[in-house]
Each structure stands twice: as C-alpha cells, then as structure tokens.
C-alpha cells in the first residue's frame, strides 16, 4: 500500500498523467482485471490513493516512478554537462 507520504512525493515527481504510463506497463506485463480486461485509469488512481490495494498496480506505479526519476537525473546530468563544458 502506498502511504500518504509516498503519495505526496510521487505526486511531486509525476506532476500529472501517470495513469497512462501505468496502463502501458500493465499491458506489457499482461496484467488484467478479474474480467480479463485492462484496468482503467480510475482504478489505478484508487490504488494510488490507498482506497484499493493491488500489488501489481503498485508495482507498476513504482516502475513509472523509477523511470521518471532516471529520466530527470539524465536531463539534469546533460544540462550540467552542457553548461559546465568549456567552448
């Protein structure tokens, strides 16, 4: 279960539109709801907010967070490289 503190930090990291990325990961992993259909964005938000529990969706949320963090670190590194290089 994602705690309140984790939710706040994840919200700051994601800013918005994280559900599409979570849905993509779930689809790649072939993880569906009990009816054999893809989960919907509303259910993913409910898991994120702690209303529902689903370890597969939580795992996908953490994967999105990891990907986002790595992307931000790469961008920061590239900026530093550009601005610290001598022309």
C-alpha atoms as a PDB file:
ATOM      1  CA  UNK A   1       0.000   0.000   0.000  1.00  0.00           C
ATOM      2  CA  UNK A   2       1.273   3.440  -0.892  1.00  0.00           C
ATOM      3  CA  UNK A   3       1.476   5.638   2.205  1.00  0.00           C
ATOM      4  CA  UNK A   4       0.361   9.270   2.400  1.00  0.00           C
ATOM      5  CA  UNK A   5       3.959  10.495   2.494  1.00  0.00           C
ATOM      6  CA  UNK A   6       4.825   8.368  -0.546  1.00  0.00           C
ATOM      7  CA  UNK A   7       1.743   9.739  -2.343  1.00  0.00           C
ATOM      8  CA  UNK A   8       2.909  13.315  -1.790  1.00  0.00           C
ATOM      9  CA  UNK A   9       6.401  12.558  -3.076  1.00  0.00           C
ATOM     10  CA  UNK A  10       5.070  10.614  -6.054  1.00  0.00           C
ATOM     11  CA  UNK A  11       2.634  13.427  -6.935  1.00  0.00           C
ATOM     12  CA  UNK A  12       5.534  15.878  -6.961  1.00  0.00           C
ATOM     13  CA  UNK A  13       7.536  13.527  -9.186  1.00  0.00           C
ATOM     14  CA  UNK A  14       4.709  12.668 -11.584  1.00  0.00           C
ATOM     15  CA  UNK A  15       3.018  16.076 -11.685  1.00  0.00           C
ATOM     16  CA  UNK A  16       0.246  14.515 -13.804  1.00  0.00           C
ATOM     17  CA  UNK A  17      -0.694  11.895 -16.406  1.00  0.00           C
ATOM     18  CA  UNK A  18       0.948   8.939 -14.667  1.00  0.00           C
ATOM     19  CA  UNK A  19      -2.006   6.603 -15.255  1.00  0.00           C
ATOM     20  CA  UNK A  20      -1.297   6.236 -18.976  1.00  0.00           C
ATOM     21  CA  UNK A  21       2.235   5.061 -18.223  1.00  0.00           C
ATOM     22  CA  UNK A  22       0.975   2.642 -15.563  1.00  0.00           C
ATOM     23  CA  UNK A  23      -1.573   1.233 -18.016  1.00  0.00           C
ATOM     24  CA  UNK A  24       1.180   0.732 -20.590  1.00  0.00           C
ATOM     25  CA  UNK A  25       3.339  -1.203 -18.110  1.00  0.00           C
ATOM     26  CA  UNK A  26       0.391  -3.351 -17.034  1.00  0.00           C
ATOM     27  CA  UNK A  27      -0.383  -4.101 -20.673  1.00  0.00           C
ATOM     28  CA  UNK A  28       3.242  -5.051 -21.372  1.00  0.00           C
ATOM     29  CA  UNK A  29       3.168  -7.374 -18.349  1.00  0.00           C
ATOM     30  CA  UNK A  30      -0.194  -8.781 -19.485  1.00  0.00           C
ATOM     31  CA  UNK A  31      -1.842  -7.870 -16.186  1.00  0.00           C
ATOM     32  CA  UNK A  32      -5.601  -7.504 -16.445  1.00  0.00           C
ATOM     33  CA  UNK A  33      -8.576  -7.196 -14.112  1.00  0.00           C
ATOM     34  CA  UNK A  34     -10.614 -10.189 -12.995  1.00  0.00           C
ATOM     35  CA  UNK A  35     -12.731  -9.928 -16.161  1.00  0.00           C
ATOM     36  CA  UNK A  36      -9.656 -10.285 -18.366  1.00  0.00           C
ATOM     37  CA  UNK A  37      -9.796  -6.644 -19.492  1.00  0.00           C
ATOM     38  CA  UNK A  38      -7.227  -3.892 -18.953  1.00  0.00           C
ATOM     39  CA  UNK A  39      -7.526  -1.935 -15.718  1.00  0.00           C
ATOM     40  CA  UNK A  40      -8.938   1.565 -16.074  1.00  0.00           C
ATOM     41  CA  UNK A  41      -7.400   4.885 -15.013  1.00  0.00           C
ATOM     42  CA  UNK A  42      -9.942   5.360 -12.221  1.00  0.00           C
ATOM     43  CA  UNK A  43      -8.953   2.076 -10.569  1.00  0.00           C
ATOM     44  CA  UNK A  44      -5.256   2.944 -10.844  1.00  0.00           C
ATOM     45  CA  UNK A  45      -5.924   6.279  -9.122  1.00  0.00           C
ATOM     46  CA  UNK A  46      -7.837   4.447  -6.380  1.00  0.00           C
ATOM     47  CA  UNK A  47      -4.834   2.181  -5.765  1.00  0.00           C
ATOM     48  CA  UNK A  48      -2.531   5.214  -5.790  1.00  0.00           C
ATOM     49  CA  UNK A  49      -4.737   6.944  -3.185  1.00  0.00           C
ATOM     50  CA  UNK A  50      -4.898   3.843  -0.982  1.00  0.00           C
ATOM     51  CA  UNK A  51      -8.622   3.268  -1.481  1.00  0.00           C
ATOM     52  CA  UNK A  52      -7.915  -0.114  -3.102  1.00  0.00           C
ATOM     53  CA  UNK A  53      -4.961  -2.475  -2.846  1.00  0.00           C
ATOM     54  CA  UNK A  54      -3.406  -4.228  -5.812  1.00  0.00           C
ATOM     55  CA  UNK A  55       0.256  -5.290  -5.661  1.00  0.00           C
ATOM     56  CA  UNK A  56       0.551  -5.479  -9.463  1.00  0.00           C
ATOM     57  CA  UNK A  57      -0.636  -1.912  -9.931  1.00  0.00           C
ATOM     58  CA  UNK A  58       1.508  -0.665  -7.066  1.00  0.00           C
ATOM     59  CA  UNK A  59       4.496  -2.337  -8.683  1.00  0.00           C
ATOM     60  CA  UNK A  60       3.708  -0.623 -11.987  1.00  0.00           C
ATOM     61  CA  UNK A  61       3.382   2.740 -10.194  1.00  0.00           C
ATOM     62  CA  UNK A  62       6.816   2.264  -8.627  1.00  0.00           C
ATOM     63  CA  UNK A  63       8.212   1.301 -12.029  1.00  0.00           C
ATOM     64  CA  UNK A  64       6.844   4.534 -13.521  1.00  0.00           C
ATOM     65  CA  UNK A  65       8.386   6.468 -10.617  1.00  0.00           C
ATOM     66  CA  UNK A  66      11.754   4.793 -11.186  1.00  0.00           C
ATOM     67  CA  UNK A  67      11.632   5.541 -14.915  1.00  0.00           C
ATOM     68  CA  UNK A  68      10.648   9.162 -14.295  1.00  0.00           C
ATOM     69  CA  UNK A  69      13.405   9.651 -11.696  1.00  0.00           C
ATOM     70  CA  UNK A  70      16.035   8.188 -14.041  1.00  0.00           C
ATOM     71  CA  UNK A  71      14.844  10.438 -16.865  1.00  0.00           C
ATOM     72  CA  UNK A  72      15.025  13.530 -14.653  1.00  0.00           C
ATOM     73  CA  UNK A  73      18.519  12.588 -13.442  1.00  0.00           C
ATOM     74  CA  UNK A  74      19.669  12.102 -17.033  1.00  0.00           C
ATOM     75  CA  UNK A  75      18.266  15.502 -18.024  1.00  0.00           C
ATOM     76  CA  UNK A  76      19.990  17.127 -15.047  1.00  0.00           C
ATOM     77  CA  UNK A  77      23.274  15.441 -15.955  1.00  0.00           C
ATOM     78  CA  UNK A  78      23.008  16.564 -19.583  1.00  0.00           C
ATOM     79  CA  UNK A  79      22.286  20.157 -18.510  1.00  0.00           C
ATOM     80  CA  UNK A  80      25.304  20.171 -16.224  1.00  0.00           C
ATOM     81  CA  UNK A  81      27.457  18.731 -18.971  1.00  0.00           C
ATOM     82  CA  UNK A  82      26.338  21.404 -21.431  1.00  0.00           C
ATOM     83  CA  UNK A  83      26.730  24.342 -19.064  1.00  0.00           C
ATOM     84  CA  UNK A  84      29.977  23.145 -17.472  1.00  0.00           C
ATOM     85  CA  UNK A  85      31.775  22.420 -20.741  1.00  0.00           C
ATOM     86  CA  UNK A  86      34.279  24.958 -21.969  1.00  0.00           C
ATOM     87  CA  UNK A  87      33.831  26.149 -25.522  1.00  0.00           C
END
